[in-house]
Amino acid sequence: MRARSGAKLRPAVALVTGASSGVGRAIASSLARHCREVCIVGRNSAGLTETEVDARRFCRVATFQIDLTAERALGPLLRHFQESVGRLDVLVHCAGVIYQETLENAALEHLDLQYAINVRAPYLLTQRLLPLLAAARGQVVFVNSSLGLDAKRPDIGQYSATKHAAKAIADSLREEVNRKGIRVLTVYLGRTATPMQEALHRQENKVYQPELLLQPEDVASLVVHTLMLPRTAEVTDICIRPMRKLC
């Protein structure tokens, strides 16, 4: 995929959650090549440091180790944009958590945690940063899952419900903010070679073969090229899955 000649994001400022590993790290590293500043958010300190080292080769990096389920913990991050930077062009929601359990045996605490991270956190962060996004005619990206479209599998009712909720938020948000010049994209991922996916394979007693899955860099390339589309176009939804289908 090749962007139209002259398309660029500079001097954009971007924020990526879930940036300590996997897809979030890949998107943050890719955006760093096109942005003035990338703000990375995650819970894993060591992982965030690795992302920061890679991204800092290309642009300024602001790092926030934050538990997105704790609303008060968002204060320093919000102040960074509202008082220090004063600008936000790209907001990418990558943070997520999954539990695979039958409804009969699932813990309600797991439903609450998935809701807090997969739904409430991106909702709240978008709401608080919307004035800056509007001022910059910015872009919002929700990295969702194919399970946000179809729940015809056992054990994923809780997770899929949160991903369907994230889809509803993105779709409704798009109708609200298009008139302000804000573009909203949702990317629905098939199985991707990430630490989360490796853990799921162990849980399912399956051999983990990351080379057969989507690569985080595949997703990052897709997202960045879509963000660079001319303003005459808006891509609303993209489904991407591994080329090779697993049994």
C-alpha atoms as a PDB file:
ATOM      1  CA  MET A   1       0.000   0.000   0.000  1.00  0.00           C
ATOM      2  CA  ARG A   2       1.385   3.382  -0.941  1.00  0.00           C
ATOM      3  CA  ALA A   3       0.139   6.754   0.221  1.00  0.00           C
ATOM      4  CA  ARG A   4      -0.684   9.421  -2.362  1.00  0.00           C
ATOM      5  CA  SER A   5       2.284  11.625  -3.147  1.00  0.00           C
ATOM      6  CA  GLY A   6       2.551  14.465  -0.637  1.00  0.00           C
ATOM      7  CA  ALA A   7       0.326  12.824   1.973  1.00  0.00           C
ATOM      8  CA  LYS A   8       1.727  13.184   5.478  1.00  0.00           C
ATOM      9  CA  LEU A   9       0.845  13.562   9.127  1.00  0.00           C
ATOM     10  CA  ARG A  10       3.512  16.035  10.248  1.00  0.00           C
ATOM     11  CA  PRO A  11       3.509  18.011  12.429  1.00  0.00           C
ATOM     12  CA  ALA A  12       0.931  15.780  14.055  1.00  0.00           C
ATOM     13  CA  VAL A  13       0.765  14.832  17.715  1.00  0.00           C
ATOM     14  CA  ALA A  14      -0.488  11.310  18.380  1.00  0.00           C
ATOM     15  CA  LEU A  15      -1.609   9.332  21.428  1.00  0.00           C
ATOM     16  CA  VAL A  16      -1.561   5.527  21.441  1.00  0.00           C
ATOM     17  CA  THR A  17      -2.867   3.386  24.309  1.00  0.00           C
ATOM     18  CA  GLY A  18      -1.788  -0.203  24.812  1.00  0.00           C
ATOM     19  CA  ALA A  19       1.619   0.809  23.464  1.00  0.00           C
ATOM     20  CA  SER A  20       3.797  -1.429  25.632  1.00  0.00           C
ATOM     21  CA  SER A  21       3.549  -4.402  23.247  1.00  0.00           C
ATOM     22  CA  GLY A  22       1.839  -5.924  20.239  1.00  0.00           C
ATOM     23  CA  VAL A  23      -0.278  -3.834  17.898  1.00  0.00           C
ATOM     24  CA  GLY A  24      -0.096  -0.729  20.077  1.00  0.00           C
ATOM     25  CA  ARG A  25       3.694  -0.766  20.026  1.00  0.00           C
ATOM     26  CA  ALA A  26       3.794  -1.304  16.265  1.00  0.00           C
ATOM     27  CA  ILE A  27       1.384   1.581  15.616  1.00  0.00           C
ATOM     28  CA  ALA A  28       3.271   3.924  17.962  1.00  0.00           C
ATOM     29  CA  SER A  29       6.590   3.077  16.301  1.00  0.00           C
ATOM     30  CA  SER A  30       5.128   3.568  12.845  1.00  0.00           C
ATOM     31  CA  LEU A  31       3.445   6.866  13.736  1.00  0.00           C
ATOM     32  CA  ALA A  32       6.729   8.136  15.160  1.00  0.00           C
ATOM     33  CA  ARG A  33       8.104   8.269  11.624  1.00  0.00           C
ATOM     34  CA  HIS A  34       5.389  10.749  10.647  1.00  0.00           C
ATOM     35  CA  CYS A  35       4.665  12.771  13.791  1.00  0.00           C
ATOM     36  CA  ARG A  36       6.197  15.581  15.787  1.00  0.00           C
ATOM     37  CA  GLU A  37       5.344  13.842  19.057  1.00  0.00           C
ATOM     38  CA  VAL A  38       3.918  10.464  20.026  1.00  0.00           C
ATOM     39  CA  CYS A  39       2.476   9.900  23.483  1.00  0.00           C
ATOM     40  CA  ILE A  40       2.531   6.242  24.521  1.00  0.00           C
ATOM     41  CA  VAL A  41       0.369   4.792  27.273  1.00  0.00           C
ATOM     42  CA  GLY A  42       0.499   1.359  28.872  1.00  0.00           C
ATOM     43  CA  ARG A  43       0.743  -0.566  32.102  1.00  0.00           C
ATOM     44  CA  ASN A  44       4.000  -2.444  31.538  1.00  0.00           C
ATOM     45  CA  SER A  45       6.962  -0.223  32.397  1.00  0.00           C
ATOM     46  CA  ALA A  46       9.595  -2.364  30.697  1.00  0.00           C
ATOM     47  CA  GLY A  47       7.506  -2.703  27.554  1.00  0.00           C
ATOM     48  CA  LEU A  48       6.856   1.044  27.399  1.00  0.00           C
ATOM     49  CA  THR A  49      10.578   1.707  27.684  1.00  0.00           C
ATOM     50  CA  GLU A  50      11.246  -0.536  24.681  1.00  0.00           C
ATOM     51  CA  THR A  51       8.584   1.267  22.662  1.00  0.00           C
ATOM     52  CA  GLU A  52       9.956   4.637  23.728  1.00  0.00           C
ATOM     53  CA  VAL A  53      13.510   3.751  22.692  1.00  0.00           C
ATOM     54  CA  ASP A  54      12.325   2.725  19.241  1.00  0.00           C
ATOM     55  CA  ALA A  55      10.017   5.701  18.683  1.00  0.00           C
ATOM     56  CA  ARG A  56      12.484   8.271  20.022  1.00  0.00           C
ATOM     57  CA  ARG A  57      14.720   7.700  16.994  1.00  0.00           C
ATOM     58  CA  PHE A  58      12.178   9.634  14.944  1.00  0.00           C
ATOM     59  CA  CYS A  59      10.298  12.099  17.159  1.00  0.00           C
ATOM     60  CA  ARG A  60       9.630  13.332  20.670  1.00  0.00           C
ATOM     61  CA  VAL A  61       8.045  10.749  22.928  1.00  0.00           C
ATOM     62  CA  ALA A  62       5.974  11.250  26.074  1.00  0.00           C
ATOM     63  CA  THR A  63       5.500   8.117  28.151  1.00  0.00           C
ATOM     64  CA  PHE A  64       2.743   7.454  30.683  1.00  0.00           C
ATOM     65  CA  GLN A  65       2.550   4.250  32.696  1.00  0.00           C
ATOM     66  CA  ILE A  66      -1.138   4.265  33.560  1.00  0.00           C
ATOM     67  CA  ASP A  67      -3.845   1.858  34.621  1.00  0.00           C
ATOM     68  CA  LEU A  68      -6.682   3.013  32.372  1.00  0.00           C
ATOM     69  CA  THR A  69      -9.273   1.550  34.740  1.00  0.00           C
ATOM     70  CA  ALA A  70      -8.353   4.194  37.348  1.00  0.00           C
ATOM     71  CA  GLU A  71      -9.956   7.459  36.255  1.00  0.00           C
ATOM     72  CA  ARG A  72      -7.862   9.585  38.603  1.00  0.00           C
ATOM     73  CA  ALA A  73      -4.697   8.150  37.047  1.00  0.00           C
ATOM     74  CA  LEU A  74      -5.601   9.890  33.779  1.00  0.00           C
ATOM     75  CA  GLY A  75      -4.965  13.325  35.290  1.00  0.00           C
ATOM     76  CA  PRO A  76      -1.280  13.696  34.288  1.00  0.00           C
ATOM     77  CA  LEU A  77      -1.993  12.427  30.774  1.00  0.00           C
ATOM     78  CA  LEU A  78      -4.890  14.816  30.229  1.00  0.00           C
ATOM     79  CA  ARG A  79      -2.922  17.757  31.623  1.00  0.00           C
ATOM     80  CA  HIS A  80      -0.047  16.920  29.278  1.00  0.00           C
ATOM     81  CA  PHE A  81      -2.307  17.527  26.293  1.00  0.00           C
ATOM     82  CA  GLN A  82      -4.579  20.214  27.658  1.00  0.00           C
ATOM     83  CA  GLU A  83      -1.915  22.379  29.334  1.00  0.00           C
ATOM     84  CA  SER A  84       1.506  21.437  27.928  1.00  0.00           C
ATOM     85  CA  VAL A  85       1.042  20.324  24.317  1.00  0.00           C
ATOM     86  CA  GLY A  86      -2.294  21.976  23.544  1.00  0.00           C
ATOM     87  CA  ARG A  87      -2.832  19.809  20.488  1.00  0.00           C
ATOM     88  CA  LEU A  88      -3.938  16.299  19.538  1.00  0.00           C
ATOM     89  CA  ASP A  89      -4.230  15.099  15.950  1.00  0.00           C
ATOM     90  CA  VAL A  90      -4.464  11.314  16.272  1.00  0.00           C
ATOM     91  CA  LEU A  91      -5.944   9.202  19.077  1.00  0.00           C
ATOM     92  CA  VAL A  92      -5.481   5.437  18.773  1.00  0.00           C
ATOM     93  CA  HIS A  93      -7.222   3.074  21.197  1.00  0.00           C
ATOM     94  CA  CYS A  94      -5.266  -0.202  21.375  1.00  0.00           C
ATOM     95  CA  ALA A  95      -5.472  -1.146  25.053  1.00  0.00           C
ATOM     96  CA  GLY A  96      -7.540  -4.253  25.647  1.00  0.00           C
ATOM     97  CA  VAL A  97      -8.017  -7.330  27.771  1.00  0.00           C
ATOM     98  CA  ILE A  98      -9.748 -10.653  27.110  1.00  0.00           C
ATOM     99  CA  TYR A  99     -11.073 -13.542  29.182  1.00  0.00           C
ATOM    100  CA  GLN A 100     -12.409 -16.675  27.522  1.00  0.00           C
ATOM    101  CA  GLU A 101     -14.984 -18.366  29.746  1.00  0.00           C
ATOM    102  CA  THR A 102     -18.406 -19.921  29.325  1.00  0.00           C
ATOM    103  CA  LEU A 103     -21.291 -17.832  30.623  1.00  0.00           C
ATOM    104  CA  GLU A 104     -22.043 -20.591  33.125  1.00  0.00           C
ATOM    105  CA  ASN A 105     -18.606 -20.319  34.718  1.00  0.00           C
ATOM    106  CA  ALA A 106     -17.504 -16.773  33.950  1.00  0.00           C
ATOM    107  CA  ALA A 107     -16.581 -14.433  36.769  1.00  0.00           C
ATOM    108  CA  LEU A 108     -18.467 -11.152  36.884  1.00  0.00           C
ATOM    109  CA  GLU A 109     -15.213  -9.503  37.949  1.00  0.00           C
ATOM    110  CA  HIS A 110     -13.796 -10.422  34.547  1.00  0.00           C
ATOM    111  CA  LEU A 111     -16.766  -8.818  32.806  1.00  0.00           C
ATOM    112  CA  ASP A 112     -16.258  -5.661  34.856  1.00  0.00           C
ATOM    113  CA  LEU A 113     -12.547  -5.504  34.009  1.00  0.00           C
ATOM    114  CA  GLN A 114     -13.123  -6.035  30.297  1.00  0.00           C
ATOM    115  CA  TYR A 115     -15.789  -3.345  30.320  1.00  0.00           C
ATOM    116  CA  ALA A 116     -13.484  -0.951  32.172  1.00  0.00           C
ATOM    117  CA  ILE A 117     -10.595  -1.344  29.723  1.00  0.00           C
ATOM    118  CA  ASN A 118     -12.307  -2.179  26.436  1.00  0.00           C
ATOM    119  CA  VAL A 119     -15.256   0.227  26.683  1.00  0.00           C
ATOM    120  CA  ARG A 120     -15.149   2.789  29.481  1.00  0.00           C
ATOM    121  CA  ALA A 121     -11.508   3.799  29.120  1.00  0.00           C
ATOM    122  CA  PRO A 122     -11.633   4.676  25.393  1.00  0.00           C
ATOM    123  CA  TYR A 123     -15.005   6.356  25.878  1.00  0.00           C
ATOM    124  CA  LEU A 124     -13.717   8.560  28.700  1.00  0.00           C
ATOM    125  CA  LEU A 125     -10.388   9.359  27.042  1.00  0.00           C
ATOM    126  CA  THR A 126     -12.094  10.348  23.799  1.00  0.00           C
ATOM    127  CA  GLN A 127     -14.632  12.484  25.652  1.00  0.00           C
ATOM    128  CA  ARG A 128     -11.971  14.386  27.595  1.00  0.00           C
ATOM    129  CA  LEU A 129      -9.757  14.960  24.541  1.00  0.00           C
ATOM    130  CA  LEU A 130     -12.516  15.727  22.040  1.00  0.00           C
ATOM    131  CA  PRO A 131     -12.058  19.531  22.152  1.00  0.00           C
ATOM    132  CA  LEU A 132      -8.409  19.162  21.123  1.00  0.00           C
ATOM    133  CA  LEU A 133      -9.299  16.686  18.388  1.00  0.00           C
ATOM    134  CA  ALA A 134     -11.952  19.067  17.071  1.00  0.00           C
ATOM    135  CA  ALA A 135      -9.550  21.989  17.044  1.00  0.00           C
ATOM    136  CA  ALA A 136      -7.045  19.960  15.020  1.00  0.00           C
ATOM    137  CA  ARG A 137      -9.667  18.289  12.801  1.00  0.00           C
ATOM    138  CA  GLY A 138      -8.133  15.118  14.140  1.00  0.00           C
ATOM    139  CA  GLN A 139      -8.636  11.397  13.751  1.00  0.00           C
ATOM    140  CA  VAL A 140      -9.695   8.633  16.144  1.00  0.00           C
ATOM    141  CA  VAL A 141      -8.851   4.973  15.634  1.00  0.00           C
ATOM    142  CA  PHE A 142     -10.511   2.131  17.539  1.00  0.00           C
ATOM    143  CA  VAL A 143      -8.524  -1.089  17.210  1.00  0.00           C
ATOM    144  CA  ASN A 144     -11.310  -3.629  17.617  1.00  0.00           C
ATOM    145  CA  SER A 145     -11.604  -7.376  17.039  1.00  0.00           C
ATOM    146  CA  SER A 146     -13.441  -9.533  14.532  1.00  0.00           C
ATOM    147  CA  LEU A 147     -15.406 -10.607  17.623  1.00  0.00           C
ATOM    148  CA  GLY A 148     -16.830  -7.089  17.685  1.00  0.00           C
ATOM    149  CA  LEU A 149     -18.798  -8.084  14.586  1.00  0.00           C
ATOM    150  CA  ASP A 150     -19.656 -11.738  15.198  1.00  0.00           C
ATOM    151  CA  ALA A 151     -19.923 -13.698  18.451  1.00  0.00           C
ATOM    152  CA  LYS A 152     -20.625 -17.127  16.979  1.00  0.00           C
ATOM    153  CA  ARG A 153     -18.054 -18.842  19.163  1.00  0.00           C
ATOM    154  CA  PRO A 154     -18.288 -20.288  22.664  1.00  0.00           C
ATOM    155  CA  ASP A 155     -16.469 -18.783  25.612  1.00  0.00           C
ATOM    156  CA  ILE A 156     -16.202 -15.204  24.342  1.00  0.00           C
ATOM    157  CA  GLY A 157     -19.564 -13.698  25.268  1.00  0.00           C
ATOM    158  CA  GLN A 158     -18.119 -11.205  27.749  1.00  0.00           C
ATOM    159  CA  TYR A 159     -15.266 -10.046  25.514  1.00  0.00           C
ATOM    160  CA  SER A 160     -17.395  -9.898  22.390  1.00  0.00           C
ATOM    161  CA  ALA A 161     -20.034  -7.857  24.210  1.00  0.00           C
ATOM    162  CA  THR A 162     -17.436  -5.224  25.088  1.00  0.00           C
ATOM    163  CA  LYS A 163     -16.153  -5.154  21.521  1.00  0.00           C
ATOM    164  CA  HIS A 164     -19.689  -4.747  20.160  1.00  0.00           C
ATOM    165  CA  ALA A 165     -20.062  -1.850  22.600  1.00  0.00           C
ATOM    166  CA  ALA A 166     -16.834  -0.294  21.301  1.00  0.00           C
ATOM    167  CA  LYS A 167     -18.206  -0.560  17.764  1.00  0.00           C
ATOM    168  CA  ALA A 168     -21.381   1.248  18.825  1.00  0.00           C
ATOM    169  CA  ILE A 169     -19.362   4.028  20.458  1.00  0.00           C
ATOM    170  CA  ALA A 170     -17.226   4.492  17.346  1.00  0.00           C
ATOM    171  CA  ASP A 171     -20.194   4.449  14.966  1.00  0.00           C
ATOM    172  CA  SER A 172     -22.184   6.957  16.991  1.00  0.00           C
ATOM    173  CA  LEU A 173     -19.147   9.157  17.577  1.00  0.00           C
ATOM    174  CA  ARG A 174     -18.532   9.326  13.840  1.00  0.00           C
ATOM    175  CA  GLU A 175     -22.030  10.707  13.268  1.00  0.00           C
ATOM    176  CA  GLU A 176     -21.469  13.316  15.982  1.00  0.00           C
ATOM    177  CA  VAL A 177     -18.059  14.614  14.959  1.00  0.00           C
ATOM    178  CA  ASN A 178     -17.822  14.338  11.178  1.00  0.00           C
ATOM    179  CA  ARG A 179     -19.241  17.850  10.884  1.00  0.00           C
ATOM    180  CA  LYS A 180     -16.311  19.033  13.002  1.00  0.00           C
ATOM    181  CA  GLY A 181     -13.860  17.519  10.558  1.00  0.00           C
ATOM    182  CA  ILE A 182     -12.948  14.526  12.740  1.00  0.00           C
ATOM    183  CA  ARG A 183     -12.529  11.148  11.063  1.00  0.00           C
ATOM    184  CA  VAL A 184     -13.284   7.944  13.002  1.00  0.00           C
ATOM    185  CA  LEU A 185     -11.891   4.580  11.943  1.00  0.00           C
ATOM    186  CA  THR A 186     -12.495   1.125  13.407  1.00  0.00           C
ATOM    187  CA  VAL A 187     -10.149  -1.728  12.508  1.00  0.00           C
ATOM    188  CA  TYR A 188     -11.436  -5.252  13.148  1.00  0.00           C
ATOM    189  CA  LEU A 189      -8.537  -7.640  13.633  1.00  0.00           C
ATOM    190  CA  GLY A 190      -8.364 -11.351  13.099  1.00  0.00           C
ATOM    191  CA  ARG A 191      -5.853 -13.338  15.101  1.00  0.00           C
ATOM    192  CA  THR A 192      -2.646 -11.341  15.407  1.00  0.00           C
ATOM    193  CA  ALA A 193       0.800 -12.361  16.634  1.00  0.00           C
ATOM    194  CA  THR A 194       0.817 -10.619  20.006  1.00  0.00           C
ATOM    195  CA  PRO A 195       1.547 -11.643  23.617  1.00  0.00           C
ATOM    196  CA  MET A 196      -2.212 -11.698  24.232  1.00  0.00           C
ATOM    197  CA  GLN A 197      -2.707 -14.130  21.372  1.00  0.00           C
ATOM    198  CA  GLU A 198       0.139 -16.318  22.599  1.00  0.00           C
ATOM    199  CA  ALA A 199      -1.555 -16.538  25.999  1.00  0.00           C
ATOM    200  CA  LEU A 200      -4.866 -17.470  24.357  1.00  0.00           C
ATOM    201  CA  HIS A 201      -3.175 -20.267  22.422  1.00  0.00           C
ATOM    202  CA  ARG A 202      -1.797 -21.661  25.672  1.00  0.00           C
ATOM    203  CA  GLN A 203      -5.255 -21.474  27.228  1.00  0.00           C
ATOM    204  CA  GLU A 204      -6.717 -23.321  24.233  1.00  0.00           C
ATOM    205  CA  ASN A 205      -3.918 -25.914  24.295  1.00  0.00           C
ATOM    206  CA  LYS A 206      -2.950 -24.977  20.741  1.00  0.00           C
ATOM    207  CA  VAL A 207       0.492 -24.660  19.227  1.00  0.00           C
ATOM    208  CA  TYR A 208       1.367 -20.986  18.832  1.00  0.00           C
ATOM    209  CA  GLN A 209       2.656 -20.311  15.320  1.00  0.00           C
ATOM    210  CA  PRO A 210       2.982 -16.525  15.060  1.00  0.00           C
ATOM    211  CA  GLU A 211       4.241 -16.704  11.488  1.00  0.00           C
ATOM    212  CA  LEU A 212       0.770 -17.882  10.409  1.00  0.00           C
ATOM    213  CA  LEU A 213      -1.017 -14.934  12.026  1.00  0.00           C
ATOM    214  CA  LEU A 214      -1.396 -11.265  11.212  1.00  0.00           C
ATOM    215  CA  GLN A 215       1.686  -9.322  12.236  1.00  0.00           C
ATOM    216  CA  PRO A 216       1.442  -6.164  14.359  1.00  0.00           C
ATOM    217  CA  GLU A 217       3.391  -4.358  11.636  1.00  0.00           C
ATOM    218  CA  ASP A 218       0.695  -5.304   9.109  1.00  0.00           C
ATOM    219  CA  VAL A 219      -1.899  -3.547  11.230  1.00  0.00           C
ATOM    220  CA  ALA A 220       0.338  -0.540  11.845  1.00  0.00           C
ATOM    221  CA  SER A 221       0.974  -0.085   8.119  1.00  0.00           C
ATOM    222  CA  LEU A 222      -2.746  -0.255   7.408  1.00  0.00           C
ATOM    223  CA  VAL A 223      -3.639   2.263  10.111  1.00  0.00           C
ATOM    224  CA  VAL A 224      -0.954   4.811   9.225  1.00  0.00           C
ATOM    225  CA  HIS A 225      -1.680   4.708   5.497  1.00  0.00           C
ATOM    226  CA  THR A 226      -5.383   5.160   6.185  1.00  0.00           C
ATOM    227  CA  LEU A 227      -4.681   8.143   8.438  1.00  0.00           C
ATOM    228  CA  MET A 228      -2.694   9.684   5.593  1.00  0.00           C
ATOM    229  CA  LEU A 229      -5.565   9.572   3.113  1.00  0.00           C
ATOM    230  CA  PRO A 230      -6.558  12.977   1.689  1.00  0.00           C
ATOM    231  CA  ARG A 231      -9.404  14.731   3.459  1.00  0.00           C
ATOM    232  CA  THR A 232     -11.729  14.063   0.564  1.00  0.00           C
ATOM    233  CA  ALA A 233     -12.055  10.501   1.891  1.00  0.00           C
ATOM    234  CA  GLU A 234     -12.986   8.774   5.122  1.00  0.00           C
ATOM    235  CA  VAL A 235     -12.537   5.065   5.767  1.00  0.00           C
ATOM    236  CA  THR A 236     -14.961   4.007   8.469  1.00  0.00           C
ATOM    237  CA  ASP A 237     -14.377   0.267   8.953  1.00  0.00           C
ATOM    238  CA  ILE A 238     -11.643  -2.174   7.946  1.00  0.00           C
ATOM    239  CA  CYS A 239     -11.578  -5.926   8.512  1.00  0.00           C
ATOM    240  CA  ILE A 240      -8.163  -7.551   8.345  1.00  0.00           C
ATOM    241  CA  ARG A 241      -7.363 -11.187   9.000  1.00  0.00           C
ATOM    242  CA  PRO A 242      -4.530 -13.663   8.467  1.00  0.00           C
ATOM    243  CA  MET A 243      -4.088 -14.775   4.884  1.00  0.00           C
ATOM    244  CA  ARG A 244      -3.790 -18.384   5.980  1.00  0.00           C
ATOM    245  CA  LYS A 245      -6.882 -19.672   7.775  1.00  0.00           C
ATOM    246  CA  LEU A 246      -6.297 -21.823  10.843  1.00  0.00           C
ATOM    247  CA  CYS A 247      -8.478 -24.743  11.818  1.00  0.00           C
END
